Amino acid sequence: MAGHQTNDIAAHEATYASFLALAKWGTVTVVVVLCLMGIFLLPH
């Protein structure tokens, strides 16, 4: 690895943006599922 190094910042930033979007929507999905489980599965 020491002899092969590239500075492809654009690809790095695109990958990071995709990761942030995935993390955000994954978190939103989990929160929504937990809320729905609380509404429909807990005894009233």
C-alpha atoms as a PDB file:
ATOM      1  CA  MET A   1       0.000   0.000   0.000  1.00  0.00           C
ATOM      2  CA  ALA A   2       2.894   2.336   0.549  1.00  0.00           C
ATOM      3  CA  GLY A   3       3.717   2.572  -3.142  1.00  0.00           C
ATOM      4  CA  HIS A   4       0.148   3.046  -4.401  1.00  0.00           C
ATOM      5  CA  GLN A   5      -1.630   6.139  -3.175  1.00  0.00           C
ATOM      6  CA  THR A   6      -4.275   8.200  -4.953  1.00  0.00           C
ATOM      7  CA  ASN A   7      -5.995  11.396  -3.960  1.00  0.00           C
ATOM      8  CA  ASP A   8      -9.444  10.885  -5.422  1.00  0.00           C
ATOM      9  CA  ILE A   9     -11.237  13.326  -3.168  1.00  0.00           C
ATOM     10  CA  ALA A  10     -14.364  13.496  -5.343  1.00  0.00           C
ATOM     11  CA  ALA A  11     -14.929   9.744  -5.060  1.00  0.00           C
ATOM     12  CA  HIS A  12     -14.292   9.882  -1.325  1.00  0.00           C
ATOM     13  CA  GLU A  13     -16.798  12.701  -0.836  1.00  0.00           C
ATOM     14  CA  ALA A  14     -19.414  10.901  -2.960  1.00  0.00           C
ATOM     15  CA  THR A  15     -18.977   7.728  -0.919  1.00  0.00           C
ATOM     16  CA  TYR A  16     -19.218   9.674   2.342  1.00  0.00           C
ATOM     17  CA  ALA A  17     -22.378  11.468   1.180  1.00  0.00           C
ATOM     18  CA  SER A  18     -23.937   8.121   0.282  1.00  0.00           C
ATOM     19  CA  PHE A  19     -22.994   6.719   3.668  1.00  0.00           C
ATOM     20  CA  LEU A  20     -24.567   9.682   5.464  1.00  0.00           C
ATOM     21  CA  ALA A  21     -27.771   9.345   3.443  1.00  0.00           C
ATOM     22  CA  LEU A  22     -27.952   5.618   4.207  1.00  0.00           C
ATOM     23  CA  ALA A  23     -27.351   6.229   7.915  1.00  0.00           C
ATOM     24  CA  LYS A  24     -29.989   8.979   8.030  1.00  0.00           C
ATOM     25  CA  TRP A  25     -32.701   6.997   6.263  1.00  0.00           C
ATOM     26  CA  GLY A  26     -31.829   3.835   8.161  1.00  0.00           C
ATOM     27  CA  THR A  27     -32.264   5.704  11.446  1.00  0.00           C
ATOM     28  CA  VAL A  28     -35.560   7.216  10.302  1.00  0.00           C
ATOM     29  CA  THR A  29     -36.813   3.778   9.273  1.00  0.00           C
ATOM     30  CA  VAL A  30     -35.911   2.224  12.624  1.00  0.00           C
ATOM     31  CA  VAL A  31     -37.627   5.053  14.535  1.00  0.00           C
ATOM     32  CA  VAL A  32     -40.793   4.704  12.451  1.00  0.00           C
ATOM     33  CA  VAL A  33     -40.867   0.922  12.896  1.00  0.00           C
ATOM     34  CA  LEU A  34     -40.399   1.260  16.668  1.00  0.00           C
ATOM     35  CA  CYS A  35     -43.182   3.841  16.891  1.00  0.00           C
ATOM     36  CA  LEU A  36     -45.542   1.623  14.906  1.00  0.00           C
ATOM     37  CA  MET A  37     -44.650  -1.354  17.091  1.00  0.00           C
ATOM     38  CA  GLY A  38     -45.398   0.717  20.178  1.00  0.00           C
ATOM     39  CA  ILE A  39     -48.754   1.809  18.785  1.00  0.00           C
ATOM     40  CA  PHE A  40     -49.963  -1.550  17.508  1.00  0.00           C
ATOM     41  CA  LEU A  41     -48.300  -4.119  19.747  1.00  0.00           C
ATOM     42  CA  LEU A  42     -48.585  -2.653  23.230  1.00  0.00           C
ATOM     43  CA  PRO A  43     -51.762  -3.435  25.123  1.00  0.00           C
ATOM     44  CA  HIS A  44     -54.208  -0.562  25.326  1.00  0.00           C
END
